[in-house]
Amino acid sequence: MTDYRQAYEHYKQACEEHGLEPINFHYFILNLSQEQLDAYNERAQQKRGQDEYAS
């Protein structure tokens, strides 16, 4: 869940840069599309695999 928090912080920063009011974290997570969640989870798995090889 911490990775979702990092994504949310990135989202909030982008909103601030463009003068937009960000939605709260709960709605941010609820409004992610299945495609976004799948892409995120695929990246997370790839990252975990890279971390395992680095050890």
N, C-alpha and C. Protein backbone atom coordinates (compact mmCIF):
# COMPACT_ATOMS: atom_id res chain seq x y z
N MET A 1 0.83 -1.19 0.00
CA MET A 1 0.00 0.00 0.00
C MET A 1 0.87 1.26 0.00
N THR A 2 2.10 1.13 0.46
CA THR A 2 2.95 2.32 0.48
C THR A 2 3.23 2.82 -0.93
N ASP A 3 3.29 1.91 -1.91
CA ASP A 3 3.51 2.33 -3.29
C ASP A 3 2.32 3.14 -3.80
N TYR A 4 1.12 2.75 -3.40
CA TYR A 4 -0.06 3.53 -3.78
C TYR A 4 0.01 4.92 -3.14
N ARG A 5 0.53 4.98 -1.93
CA ARG A 5 0.70 6.27 -1.26
C ARG A 5 1.69 7.14 -2.04
N GLN A 6 2.76 6.53 -2.51
CA GLN A 6 3.74 7.28 -3.30
C GLN A 6 3.10 7.80 -4.58
N ALA A 7 2.29 6.97 -5.22
CA ALA A 7 1.59 7.40 -6.44
C ALA A 7 0.65 8.55 -6.11
N TYR A 8 -0.01 8.47 -4.97
CA TYR A 8 -0.94 9.53 -4.57
C TYR A 8 -0.17 10.83 -4.32
N GLU A 9 0.98 10.74 -3.69
CA GLU A 9 1.78 11.94 -3.44
C GLU A 9 2.22 12.57 -4.76
N HIS A 10 2.57 11.75 -5.72
CA HIS A 10 2.94 12.24 -7.05
C HIS A 10 1.74 12.94 -7.69
N TYR A 11 0.59 12.32 -7.59
CA TYR A 11 -0.66 12.90 -8.10
C TYR A 11 -0.94 14.26 -7.45
N LYS A 12 -0.80 14.34 -6.12
CA LYS A 12 -1.06 15.60 -5.42
C LYS A 12 -0.10 16.69 -5.88
N GLN A 13 1.15 16.33 -6.07
CA GLN A 13 2.14 17.29 -6.53
C GLN A 13 1.79 17.80 -7.93
N ALA A 14 1.36 16.91 -8.81
CA ALA A 14 0.96 17.32 -10.17
C ALA A 14 -0.25 18.25 -10.10
N CYS A 15 -1.19 17.95 -9.22
CA CYS A 15 -2.36 18.83 -9.06
C CYS A 15 -1.93 20.22 -8.62
N GLU A 16 -1.04 20.28 -7.64
CA GLU A 16 -0.58 21.57 -7.14
C GLU A 16 0.12 22.37 -8.24
N GLU A 17 0.92 21.69 -9.06
CA GLU A 17 1.64 22.36 -10.13
C GLU A 17 0.69 22.96 -11.17
N HIS A 18 -0.50 22.37 -11.29
CA HIS A 18 -1.46 22.84 -12.28
C HIS A 18 -2.63 23.60 -11.66
N GLY A 19 -2.52 23.91 -10.38
CA GLY A 19 -3.55 24.70 -9.72
C GLY A 19 -4.86 23.96 -9.52
N LEU A 20 -4.80 22.64 -9.40
CA LEU A 20 -6.01 21.83 -9.21
C LEU A 20 -6.09 21.33 -7.78
N GLU A 21 -7.30 21.11 -7.32
CA GLU A 21 -7.54 20.55 -5.99
C GLU A 21 -7.57 19.02 -6.10
N PRO A 22 -6.65 18.32 -5.43
CA PRO A 22 -6.64 16.86 -5.53
C PRO A 22 -7.79 16.23 -4.74
N ILE A 23 -8.23 15.07 -5.19
CA ILE A 23 -9.22 14.31 -4.43
C ILE A 23 -8.49 13.61 -3.29
N ASN A 24 -9.23 13.11 -2.32
CA ASN A 24 -8.55 12.44 -1.20
C ASN A 24 -8.09 11.03 -1.61
N PHE A 25 -7.24 10.45 -0.79
CA PHE A 25 -6.60 9.17 -1.09
C PHE A 25 -7.64 8.08 -1.36
N HIS A 26 -8.67 8.03 -0.55
CA HIS A 26 -9.70 6.99 -0.70
C HIS A 26 -10.31 7.04 -2.10
N TYR A 27 -10.70 8.21 -2.55
CA TYR A 27 -11.29 8.35 -3.88
C TYR A 27 -10.26 8.13 -4.99
N PHE A 28 -9.02 8.50 -4.71
CA PHE A 28 -7.95 8.26 -5.67
C PHE A 28 -7.85 6.77 -5.97
N ILE A 29 -7.84 5.95 -4.94
CA ILE A 29 -7.75 4.50 -5.10
C ILE A 29 -9.00 3.95 -5.76
N LEU A 30 -10.17 4.39 -5.33
CA LEU A 30 -11.42 3.90 -5.90
C LEU A 30 -11.58 4.23 -7.38
N ASN A 31 -10.94 5.32 -7.83
CA ASN A 31 -11.11 5.76 -9.20
C ASN A 31 -10.02 5.28 -10.15
N LEU A 32 -9.12 4.45 -9.67
CA LEU A 32 -8.15 3.86 -10.58
C LEU A 32 -8.85 2.83 -11.45
N SER A 33 -8.54 2.84 -12.72
CA SER A 33 -9.15 1.87 -13.62
C SER A 33 -8.47 0.51 -13.46
N GLN A 34 -9.13 -0.52 -13.93
CA GLN A 34 -8.53 -1.86 -13.87
C GLN A 34 -7.23 -1.88 -14.66
N GLU A 35 -7.21 -1.16 -15.77
CA GLU A 35 -6.00 -1.09 -16.60
C GLU A 35 -4.85 -0.43 -15.82
N GLN A 36 -5.15 0.63 -15.07
CA GLN A 36 -4.13 1.29 -14.26
C GLN A 36 -3.64 0.36 -13.15
N LEU A 37 -4.56 -0.32 -12.50
CA LEU A 37 -4.17 -1.25 -11.43
C LEU A 37 -3.32 -2.39 -11.98
N ASP A 38 -3.70 -2.94 -13.13
CA ASP A 38 -2.93 -4.02 -13.74
C ASP A 38 -1.52 -3.57 -14.10
N ALA A 39 -1.41 -2.38 -14.69
CA ALA A 39 -0.10 -1.85 -15.06
C ALA A 39 0.75 -1.61 -13.82
N TYR A 40 0.14 -1.08 -12.79
CA TYR A 40 0.86 -0.83 -11.54
C TYR A 40 1.36 -2.13 -10.94
N ASN A 41 0.49 -3.13 -10.87
CA ASN A 41 0.87 -4.41 -10.29
C ASN A 41 1.95 -5.11 -11.11
N GLU A 42 1.90 -4.97 -12.42
CA GLU A 42 2.93 -5.56 -13.28
C GLU A 42 4.28 -4.91 -13.01
N ARG A 43 4.29 -3.59 -12.90
CA ARG A 43 5.53 -2.88 -12.58
C ARG A 43 6.07 -3.29 -11.21
N ALA A 44 5.18 -3.43 -10.25
CA ALA A 44 5.61 -3.82 -8.91
C ALA A 44 6.25 -5.20 -8.92
N GLN A 45 5.68 -6.13 -9.68
CA GLN A 45 6.26 -7.46 -9.79
C GLN A 45 7.63 -7.39 -10.45
N GLN A 46 7.76 -6.59 -11.49
CA GLN A 46 9.05 -6.44 -12.17
C GLN A 46 10.09 -5.86 -11.21
N LYS A 47 9.68 -4.88 -10.44
CA LYS A 47 10.59 -4.26 -9.48
C LYS A 47 11.03 -5.26 -8.42
N ARG A 48 10.09 -6.05 -7.94
CA ARG A 48 10.44 -7.07 -6.95
C ARG A 48 11.44 -8.07 -7.54
N GLY A 49 11.25 -8.42 -8.80
CA GLY A 49 12.16 -9.34 -9.46
C GLY A 49 13.55 -8.76 -9.58
N GLN A 50 13.65 -7.47 -9.89
CA GLN A 50 14.93 -6.80 -9.98
C GLN A 50 15.60 -6.73 -8.62
N ASP A 51 14.80 -6.47 -7.58
CA ASP A 51 15.35 -6.40 -6.23
C ASP A 51 15.90 -7.75 -5.79
N GLU A 52 15.24 -8.83 -6.19
CA GLU A 52 15.71 -10.16 -5.83
C GLU A 52 17.04 -10.47 -6.50
N TYR A 53 17.20 -10.04 -7.75
CA TYR A 53 18.45 -10.30 -8.47
C TYR A 53 19.58 -9.44 -7.95
N ALA A 54 19.26 -8.29 -7.39
CA ALA A 54 20.28 -7.39 -6.86
C ALA A 54 20.86 -7.91 -5.55
N SER A 55 20.12 -8.76 -4.86
CA SER A 55 20.58 -9.27 -3.55
C SER A 55 21.63 -10.33 -3.69
